[in-house]
Amino acid sequence: AAAALTREGGEDAFRRLFRFYRQRDASDLRGVVDFSAPGAQVFRSQLSISSVSDQDASRAGLQPVSQWKAYGLSGYPGFIFIPNPFLPGCQRHWVKQCLKLYPQKPNVCNLDLHMPPEKTFDLWGQSKEQLRKKGSSKREPRSLLEKLRWVTLGYHYNWDTKKYSANHHTPFPSDLAFLSEQVAAACGFQGFQAQAGILNYYHFDSSLGIHVDESELDHSRPLLSFSFGQSSIFLLGGLKREEAPTAMFMHSGDIMVMSGFSRLLYHAVPRVLPNPGGTALPSCLDQALPSDLPVGSVIEHSSDEDWQVCAKYLESSRINMTIRQVLAEGQKFPEEPGTNGKGQAPSEESHHEGKSRAKRHKLNAD
C-alpha cells in the first residue's frame, strides 16, 4: 500500500507517505525498517573503535564502542543507526535532564511564547506532583511539562528566520556536549563541537513535519539524534520531496547520525507509537543506575521520586535530542544589518504539530 501511494499523482511522494503513516493502523506496519531485526536494505556500518576509550564511553553512560552495533541503509550514504548503546540505567539521566534541568532558564522553550518568565521558571517544580498523581483520564488538566513541545540549547534556533545568531546564545550543557562528542568520534567525526541542541517532546498525538536541517553554517559536521521513551516512526527521504522516504522505527536509547550525503535529506516523524513490548515503558528504562559510577562520569543518580515523575511522563511521551555543530572551526556568523541578532520569538506551530491544532488547521507538514 505504501509503495502504491508513491506512484500516485498530486501530492509529493514524501507528503503522501507522511499521511499514510500518520493515519495507519499501528498493527500493520510491515513496511517499516526495524534495526532490531535488520533486513535486506540494512548493512553493518564500521565504527572508529579506537577513537573513544572505554573509560570515556563509560563516563558518558555508553557501552564500549566495540560492543555497539551500527548499521547503514542502502541508498543513504552517511546515515548511521546505532540501536541503544547505553549502559543499564543511564538513559534515565538524560530523561531527567530533559525534563528537570534543560528546560530551565536561560534556555528557551515554546511556553515562553505564551507565558511570562516567572511562570516558566521552574516547570519541573510546578508539574511534578501533578504528574505523579496523574491517572489515565484524558480529562485531567495537563501539567506545564506536558505542554512542553521544544527546548533550545546553546545557539538558539529562530523558528521564524530559520537562522542562528551570535547574540542569541547560552552555555551548552557540558554533560550533553561530552556525550555528543563521544558518539561523533565513534562515527569518525573527531573534534565535533556540540554548539546547538533542539529537544523535542512528543505525545501520542504529536508529529514532526517534513523538513531539512540546513540552518547550520557547517554542513560537514553530522547531526546527532537521541531518542528516549515511547517508540516512533521516522521517515528519511531524499534531496527533493518527490522522492519517497524510507520508514524506520526509533526505540528508546537509539541514536541516529546524519552525515555526508544524508546530512541534508528531508525527514519527518509522522507518529509516536506505544512501546512494542506492550508494557507502559520499554524494559531498558526499568533498569536503575549501578551504585558505583566511574570517576569523572557525567551521569548522575536520580532519586526514586524524580524517576517516578519521569516514568509517569514517559508512559505517553517520547523525548528526542538533536545536537548540531553550527560553525566550523574559526568560522563566524555573517553580519546582519538592522537586526539585534535575537530575531523574533518562534511560532509554536512552526515545529510541532499536535492534534488540537490539526483540528483547527489543515495539517501542515512543512
Foldseek 3Di string as FASTA:
>chain_A
DLVVQLPDDDDFSAVSVLVCVLPDDPVDDVQAAEPVDGDDQKDWDAWPQVLADQQLCQLLQFGRLVPWTWIDGPPAPQKIKTPFRGDFAQLLQVLLCVQFPQQAPPKDWQCVVPDPCVVSHGQCVQCLVVLLPDDDDPPDDHGVSLVTFKIKAAQRQALVVRATFPVRGDDGDPSVQSNVQNVQVRRPNHPFGFRMKMKGKFFQQKKWFKDWNDRFPDQQGKKKKAKAFFKFWKWWAALDSNTNTRIYMDYHNMMMIQHDRSNGTIMITSGTDGHPVPDLTPPSNVGHDDPDGDPNRPGDHDDPSSVSSSSSSRSGMMMMMMTHDRDDVPDHDDDDPPDPRPDDHHNPLSTMDGPVVCVVDPDDRD
